[in-house]
Amino acid sequence: MAKPTTIKIRLNSTADTGFFYVTKKNARTMTEKMVVRKYDPVARKHVEFKEGKIK
């Protein structure tokens, strides 16, 4: 059976609040680690979220 093209990833906040988002990404087209600016409700501001593994 073929591997799925999309994988689930966890976007961890760089503000060290422990907040994270769970999203999907296409592993074939986006081979590098994902970095996105999103809202962190614990820090109450927009910060960078970096890709990490789902445990």
PDB file of N, CA and C in Angstrom:
ATOM      1  N   MET A   1       0.824  -1.174   0.000  1.00  0.00           N
ATOM      2  CA  MET A   1       0.000   0.000   0.000  1.00  0.00           C
ATOM      3  C   MET A   1       0.882   1.257   0.000  1.00  0.00           C
ATOM      4  N   ALA A   2       0.448   2.290  -0.694  1.00  0.00           N
ATOM      5  CA  ALA A   2       1.240   3.510  -0.821  1.00  0.00           C
ATOM      6  C   ALA A   2       1.159   4.355   0.451  1.00  0.00           C
ATOM      7  N   LYS A   3       2.218   5.148   0.670  1.00  0.00           N
ATOM      8  CA  LYS A   3       2.229   6.067   1.808  1.00  0.00           C
ATOM      9  C   LYS A   3       1.291   7.238   1.505  1.00  0.00           C
ATOM     10  N   PRO A   4       0.603   7.767   2.512  1.00  0.00           N
ATOM     11  CA  PRO A   4      -0.272   8.921   2.261  1.00  0.00           C
ATOM     12  C   PRO A   4       0.556  10.168   1.949  1.00  0.00           C
ATOM     13  N   THR A   5       0.003  11.065   1.104  1.00  0.00           N
ATOM     14  CA  THR A   5       0.742  12.278   0.749  1.00  0.00           C
ATOM     15  C   THR A   5       0.702  13.303   1.870  1.00  0.00           C
ATOM     16  N   THR A   6      -0.378  13.350   2.648  1.00  0.00           N
ATOM     17  CA  THR A   6      -0.455  14.318   3.740  1.00  0.00           C
ATOM     18  C   THR A   6      -0.143  13.629   5.066  1.00  0.00           C
ATOM     19  N   ILE A   7       0.576  14.345   5.914  1.00  0.00           N
ATOM     20  CA  ILE A   7       0.905  13.830   7.242  1.00  0.00           C
ATOM     21  C   ILE A   7       0.444  14.852   8.279  1.00  0.00           C
ATOM     22  N   LYS A   8       0.102  14.385   9.469  1.00  0.00           N
ATOM     23  CA  LYS A   8      -0.283  15.270  10.561  1.00  0.00           C
ATOM     24  C   LYS A   8       0.977  15.780  11.240  1.00  0.00           C
ATOM     25  N   ILE A   9       0.993  17.082  11.515  1.00  0.00           N
ATOM     26  CA  ILE A   9       2.118  17.680  12.233  1.00  0.00           C
ATOM     27  C   ILE A   9       1.590  18.523  13.391  1.00  0.00           C
ATOM     28  N   ARG A  10       2.479  18.838  14.307  1.00  0.00           N
ATOM     29  CA  ARG A  10       2.137  19.660  15.461  1.00  0.00           C
ATOM     30  C   ARG A  10       2.947  20.947  15.362  1.00  0.00           C
ATOM     31  N   LEU A  11       2.263  22.086  15.413  1.00  0.00           N
ATOM     32  CA  LEU A  11       2.925  23.384  15.371  1.00  0.00           C
ATOM     33  C   LEU A  11       3.078  23.895  16.798  1.00  0.00           C
ATOM     34  N   ASN A  12       4.312  23.915  17.313  1.00  0.00           N
ATOM     35  CA  ASN A  12       4.596  24.321  18.683  1.00  0.00           C
ATOM     36  C   ASN A  12       4.927  25.809  18.738  1.00  0.00           C
ATOM     37  N   SER A  13       4.418  26.491  19.749  1.00  0.00           N
ATOM     38  CA  SER A  13       4.667  27.911  19.926  1.00  0.00           C
ATOM     39  C   SER A  13       6.108  28.153  20.345  1.00  0.00           C
ATOM     40  N   THR A  14       6.725  29.198  19.768  1.00  0.00           N
ATOM     41  CA  THR A  14       8.095  29.558  20.141  1.00  0.00           C
ATOM     42  C   THR A  14       8.115  30.463  21.368  1.00  0.00           C
ATOM     43  N   ALA A  15       6.928  30.864  21.875  1.00  0.00           N
ATOM     44  CA  ALA A  15       6.854  31.690  23.080  1.00  0.00           C
ATOM     45  C   ALA A  15       6.955  30.843  24.350  1.00  0.00           C
ATOM     46  N   ASP A  16       7.159  29.542  24.218  1.00  0.00           N
ATOM     47  CA  ASP A  16       7.306  28.601  25.346  1.00  0.00           C
ATOM     48  C   ASP A  16       6.109  28.620  26.292  1.00  0.00           C
ATOM     49  N   THR A  17       4.892  28.705  25.715  1.00  0.00           N
ATOM     50  CA  THR A  17       3.677  28.663  26.524  1.00  0.00           C
ATOM     51  C   THR A  17       3.109  27.248  26.596  1.00  0.00           C
ATOM     52  N   GLY A  18       3.579  26.359  25.714  1.00  0.00           N
ATOM     53  CA  GLY A  18       3.045  25.003  25.679  1.00  0.00           C
ATOM     54  C   GLY A  18       1.858  24.857  24.754  1.00  0.00           C
ATOM     55  N   PHE A  19       1.421  25.954  24.134  1.00  0.00           N
ATOM     56  CA  PHE A  19       0.274  25.909  23.224  1.00  0.00           C
ATOM     57  C   PHE A  19       0.724  25.384  21.868  1.00  0.00           C
ATOM     58  N   PHE A  20      -0.154  24.622  21.199  1.00  0.00           N
ATOM     59  CA  PHE A  20       0.180  24.077  19.884  1.00  0.00           C
ATOM     60  C   PHE A  20      -1.071  23.945  19.032  1.00  0.00           C
ATOM     61  N   TYR A  21      -0.868  23.926  17.728  1.00  0.00           N
ATOM     62  CA  TYR A  21      -1.900  23.634  16.749  1.00  0.00           C
ATOM     63  C   TYR A  21      -1.567  22.297  16.103  1.00  0.00           C
ATOM     64  N   VAL A  22      -2.592  21.560  15.663  1.00  0.00           N
ATOM     65  CA  VAL A  22      -2.388  20.331  14.906  1.00  0.00           C
ATOM     66  C   VAL A  22      -2.936  20.581  13.511  1.00  0.00           C
ATOM     67  N   THR A  23      -2.127  20.274  12.491  1.00  0.00           N
ATOM     68  CA  THR A  23      -2.531  20.516  11.113  1.00  0.00           C
ATOM     69  C   THR A  23      -1.928  19.444  10.212  1.00  0.00           C
ATOM     70  N   LYS A  24      -2.267  19.495   8.940  1.00  0.00           N
ATOM     71  CA  LYS A  24      -1.727  18.564   7.956  1.00  0.00           C
ATOM     72  C   LYS A  24      -0.828  19.321   6.990  1.00  0.00           C
ATOM     73  N   LYS A  25       0.125  18.604   6.415  1.00  0.00           N
ATOM     74  CA  LYS A  25       0.932  19.183   5.347  1.00  0.00           C
ATOM     75  C   LYS A  25       1.253  18.103   4.330  1.00  0.00           C
ATOM     76  N   ASN A  26       1.462  18.539   3.095  1.00  0.00           N
ATOM     77  CA  ASN A  26       1.831  17.630   2.023  1.00  0.00           C
ATOM     78  C   ASN A  26       3.327  17.362   2.138  1.00  0.00           C
ATOM     79  N   ALA A  27       3.696  16.132   2.471  1.00  0.00           N
ATOM     80  CA  ALA A  27       5.092  15.795   2.730  1.00  0.00           C
ATOM     81  C   ALA A  27       5.921  15.759   1.449  1.00  0.00           C
ATOM     82  N   ARG A  28       5.286  15.593   0.309  1.00  0.00           N
ATOM     83  CA  ARG A  28       6.042  15.524  -0.952  1.00  0.00           C
ATOM     84  C   ARG A  28       6.419  16.901  -1.473  1.00  0.00           C
ATOM     85  N   THR A  29       5.536  17.892  -1.312  1.00  0.00           N
ATOM     86  CA  THR A  29       5.830  19.222  -1.847  1.00  0.00           C
ATOM     87  C   THR A  29       6.532  20.114  -0.829  1.00  0.00           C
ATOM     88  N   MET A  30       6.244  19.934   0.460  1.00  0.00           N
ATOM     89  CA  MET A  30       6.896  20.722   1.523  1.00  0.00           C
ATOM     90  C   MET A  30       7.845  19.822   2.294  1.00  0.00           C
ATOM     91  N   THR A  31       9.065  19.731   1.825  1.00  0.00           N
ATOM     92  CA  THR A  31      10.016  18.805   2.460  1.00  0.00           C
ATOM     93  C   THR A  31      10.699  19.420   3.672  1.00  0.00           C
ATOM     94  N   GLU A  32      10.776  20.763   3.756  1.00  0.00           N
ATOM     95  CA  GLU A  32      11.425  21.399   4.902  1.00  0.00           C
ATOM     96  C   GLU A  32      10.436  21.560   6.050  1.00  0.00           C
ATOM     97  N   LYS A  33      10.953  21.919   7.219  1.00  0.00           N
ATOM     98  CA  LYS A  33      10.094  22.098   8.396  1.00  0.00           C
ATOM     99  C   LYS A  33       9.228  23.334   8.222  1.00  0.00           C
ATOM    100  N   MET A  34       7.987  23.228   8.654  1.00  0.00           N
ATOM    101  CA  MET A  34       7.031  24.315   8.488  1.00  0.00           C
ATOM    102  C   MET A  34       7.173  25.340   9.616  1.00  0.00           C
ATOM    103  N   VAL A  35       7.170  26.636   9.251  1.00  0.00           N
ATOM    104  CA  VAL A  35       7.206  27.730  10.224  1.00  0.00           C
ATOM    105  C   VAL A  35       6.112  28.713   9.819  1.00  0.00           C
ATOM    106  N   VAL A  36       5.178  29.010  10.754  1.00  0.00           N
ATOM    107  CA  VAL A  36       4.034  29.856  10.469  1.00  0.00           C
ATOM    108  C   VAL A  36       3.841  30.838  11.629  1.00  0.00           C
ATOM    109  N   ARG A  37       3.446  32.088  11.321  1.00  0.00           N
ATOM    110  CA  ARG A  37       3.070  33.045  12.359  1.00  0.00           C
ATOM    111  C   ARG A  37       1.580  32.914  12.605  1.00  0.00           C
ATOM    112  N   LYS A  38       1.219  32.526  13.839  1.00  0.00           N
ATOM    113  CA  LYS A  38      -0.179  32.346  14.220  1.00  0.00           C
ATOM    114  C   LYS A  38      -0.403  32.943  15.609  1.00  0.00           C
ATOM    115  N   TYR A  39      -1.660  32.983  15.999  1.00  0.00           N
ATOM    116  CA  TYR A  39      -2.034  33.574  17.289  1.00  0.00           C
ATOM    117  C   TYR A  39      -1.852  32.567  18.416  1.00  0.00           C
ATOM    118  N   ASP A  40      -1.187  32.997  19.472  1.00  0.00           N
ATOM    119  CA  ASP A  40      -1.030  32.193  20.682  1.00  0.00           C
ATOM    120  C   ASP A  40      -1.932  32.795  21.759  1.00  0.00           C
ATOM    121  N   PRO A  41      -3.044  32.131  22.121  1.00  0.00           N
ATOM    122  CA  PRO A  41      -3.963  32.702  23.096  1.00  0.00           C
ATOM    123  C   PRO A  41      -3.399  32.763  24.518  1.00  0.00           C
ATOM    124  N   VAL A  42      -2.394  31.961  24.831  1.00  0.00           N
ATOM    125  CA  VAL A  42      -1.799  32.008  26.162  1.00  0.00           C
ATOM    126  C   VAL A  42      -0.934  33.268  26.291  1.00  0.00           C
ATOM    127  N   ALA A  43      -0.124  33.542  25.257  1.00  0.00           N
ATOM    128  CA  ALA A  43       0.709  34.752  25.253  1.00  0.00           C
ATOM    129  C   ALA A  43      -0.088  35.972  24.803  1.00  0.00           C
ATOM    130  N   ARG A  44      -1.246  35.755  24.218  1.00  0.00           N
ATOM    131  CA  ARG A  44      -2.153  36.784  23.723  1.00  0.00           C
ATOM    132  C   ARG A  44      -1.504  37.694  22.684  1.00  0.00           C
ATOM    133  N   LYS A  45      -0.751  37.061  21.753  1.00  0.00           N
ATOM    134  CA  LYS A  45      -0.170  37.786  20.629  1.00  0.00           C
ATOM    135  C   LYS A  45       0.215  36.791  19.533  1.00  0.00           C
ATOM    136  N   HIS A  46       0.557  37.310  18.351  1.00  0.00           N
ATOM    137  CA  HIS A  46       0.993  36.472  17.244  1.00  0.00           C
ATOM    138  C   HIS A  46       2.473  36.138  17.428  1.00  0.00           C
ATOM    139  N   VAL A  47       2.801  34.858  17.325  1.00  0.00           N
ATOM    140  CA  VAL A  47       4.185  34.392  17.441  1.00  0.00           C
ATOM    141  C   VAL A  47       4.429  33.361  16.354  1.00  0.00           C
ATOM    142  N   GLU A  48       5.699  32.969  16.189  1.00  0.00           N
ATOM    143  CA  GLU A  48       6.034  31.919  15.233  1.00  0.00           C
ATOM    144  C   GLU A  48       5.761  30.553  15.844  1.00  0.00           C
ATOM    145  N   PHE A  49       5.228  29.669  15.020  1.00  0.00           N
ATOM    146  CA  PHE A  49       5.002  28.281  15.411  1.00  0.00           C
ATOM    147  C   PHE A  49       5.875  27.413  14.510  1.00  0.00           C
ATOM    148  N   LYS A  50       6.637  26.502  15.123  1.00  0.00           N
ATOM    149  CA  LYS A  50       7.525  25.636  14.367  1.00  0.00           C
ATOM    150  C   LYS A  50       7.024  24.201  14.434  1.00  0.00           C
ATOM    151  N   GLU A  51       7.304  23.472  13.389  1.00  0.00           N
ATOM    152  CA  GLU A  51       6.822  22.094  13.244  1.00  0.00           C
ATOM    153  C   GLU A  51       7.528  21.154  14.201  1.00  0.00           C
ATOM    154  N   GLY A  52       6.758  20.263  14.804  1.00  0.00           N
ATOM    155  CA  GLY A  52       7.290  19.219  15.666  1.00  0.00           C
ATOM    156  C   GLY A  52       6.510  17.936  15.433  1.00  0.00           C
ATOM    157  N   LYS A  53       6.994  16.851  16.005  1.00  0.00           N
ATOM    158  CA  LYS A  53       6.314  15.571  15.829  1.00  0.00           C
ATOM    159  C   LYS A  53       5.148  15.422  16.798  1.00  0.00           C
ATOM    160  N   ILE A  54       4.140  14.686  16.363  1.00  0.00           N
ATOM    161  CA  ILE A  54       3.031  14.341  17.247  1.00  0.00           C
ATOM    162  C   ILE A  54       3.433  13.097  18.026  1.00  0.00           C
ATOM    163  N   LYS A  55       3.348  13.161  19.350  1.00  0.00           N
ATOM    164  CA  LYS A  55       3.789  12.035  20.185  1.00  0.00           C
ATOM    165  C   LYS A  55       2.659  11.079  20.430  1.00  0.00           C
TER     166      LYS A  55
END
